[in-house]
Amino acid sequence: MFNLSNFLGSLQSKVALLDLSATSLDDEGLHRAAQLPKLNHLHVRQTQITYEGMLGIAFNKRLSLRPG
């Protein structure tokens, strides 16, 4: 079974833009993605992210969330 959190962990510092629209991305996965050092843009349309999950990554000023 595909584990999104493990996938995000394997990316490390290789990605600047990531489109996770229409995936099972949740708050935990969002938090892990926000820690990727080079990630600037994250597309998150049709995911399981909650408002609380978005507040949880507010510390990351370089990351721009896109609705898709």
Protein backbone atom coordinates (compact mmCIF):
# COMPACT_ATOMS: atom_id res chain seq x y z
CA MET A 1 0.00 0.00 0.00
CA PHE A 2 1.24 3.48 -0.88
CA ASN A 3 2.16 5.54 2.17
CA LEU A 4 2.15 9.26 1.44
CA SER A 5 4.10 10.18 4.58
CA ASN A 6 6.92 7.78 3.66
CA PHE A 7 6.96 9.19 0.13
CA LEU A 8 7.29 12.74 1.43
CA GLY A 9 10.12 11.67 3.72
CA SER A 10 12.02 10.19 0.77
CA LEU A 11 11.94 13.49 -1.16
CA GLN A 12 14.17 15.34 1.31
CA SER A 13 15.56 18.44 -0.45
CA LYS A 14 14.83 17.54 -4.07
CA VAL A 15 11.49 19.23 -4.76
CA ALA A 16 10.37 22.86 -5.07
CA LEU A 17 6.79 22.24 -6.30
CA LEU A 18 4.57 19.33 -5.35
CA ASP A 19 1.05 18.61 -6.60
CA LEU A 20 -0.77 16.36 -4.14
CA SER A 21 -4.26 17.21 -5.37
CA ALA A 22 -6.81 14.37 -5.23
CA THR A 23 -4.65 12.29 -2.87
CA SER A 24 -5.09 11.11 0.70
CA LEU A 25 -2.91 13.95 2.00
CA ASP A 26 -3.91 14.71 5.59
CA ASP A 27 -2.68 17.07 8.30
CA GLU A 28 0.25 14.81 9.21
CA GLY A 29 1.39 14.60 5.59
CA LEU A 30 1.00 18.35 5.19
CA HIS A 31 3.20 18.92 8.23
CA ARG A 32 5.88 16.58 6.82
CA ALA A 33 5.72 18.27 3.41
CA ALA A 34 6.11 21.70 5.03
CA GLN A 35 9.44 20.54 6.45
CA LEU A 36 10.94 19.80 3.02
CA PRO A 37 13.72 22.39 2.76
CA LYS A 38 13.26 23.44 -0.89
CA LEU A 39 9.48 23.13 -1.19
CA ASN A 40 7.95 26.48 -2.19
CA HIS A 41 4.57 25.53 -3.68
CA LEU A 42 2.17 22.80 -2.68
CA HIS A 43 -1.03 22.08 -4.61
CA VAL A 44 -3.62 20.59 -2.25
CA ARG A 45 -7.04 20.50 -3.96
CA GLN A 46 -9.33 17.62 -2.92
CA THR A 47 -7.29 16.38 0.04
CA GLN A 48 -8.12 15.58 3.65
CA ILE A 49 -6.34 18.63 5.07
CA THR A 50 -8.28 20.45 7.78
CA TYR A 51 -8.23 24.09 8.81
CA GLU A 52 -6.27 23.07 11.90
CA GLY A 53 -3.72 21.36 9.65
CA MET A 54 -3.20 24.57 7.70
CA LEU A 55 -2.76 26.53 10.92
CA GLY A 56 -0.18 23.96 11.97
CA ILE A 57 2.13 24.93 9.09
CA ALA A 58 1.68 28.69 9.40
CA PHE A 59 5.28 28.85 10.67
CA ASN A 60 6.53 28.11 7.14
CA LYS A 61 6.66 31.51 5.44
CA ARG A 62 8.27 30.22 2.23
CA LEU A 63 5.55 27.67 1.46
CA SER A 64 2.61 28.72 -0.70
CA LEU A 65 -0.45 26.47 -0.68
CA ARG A 66 -2.38 26.37 -3.93
CA PRO A 67 -5.92 25.06 -4.31
CA GLY A 68 -4.94 23.18 -7.43
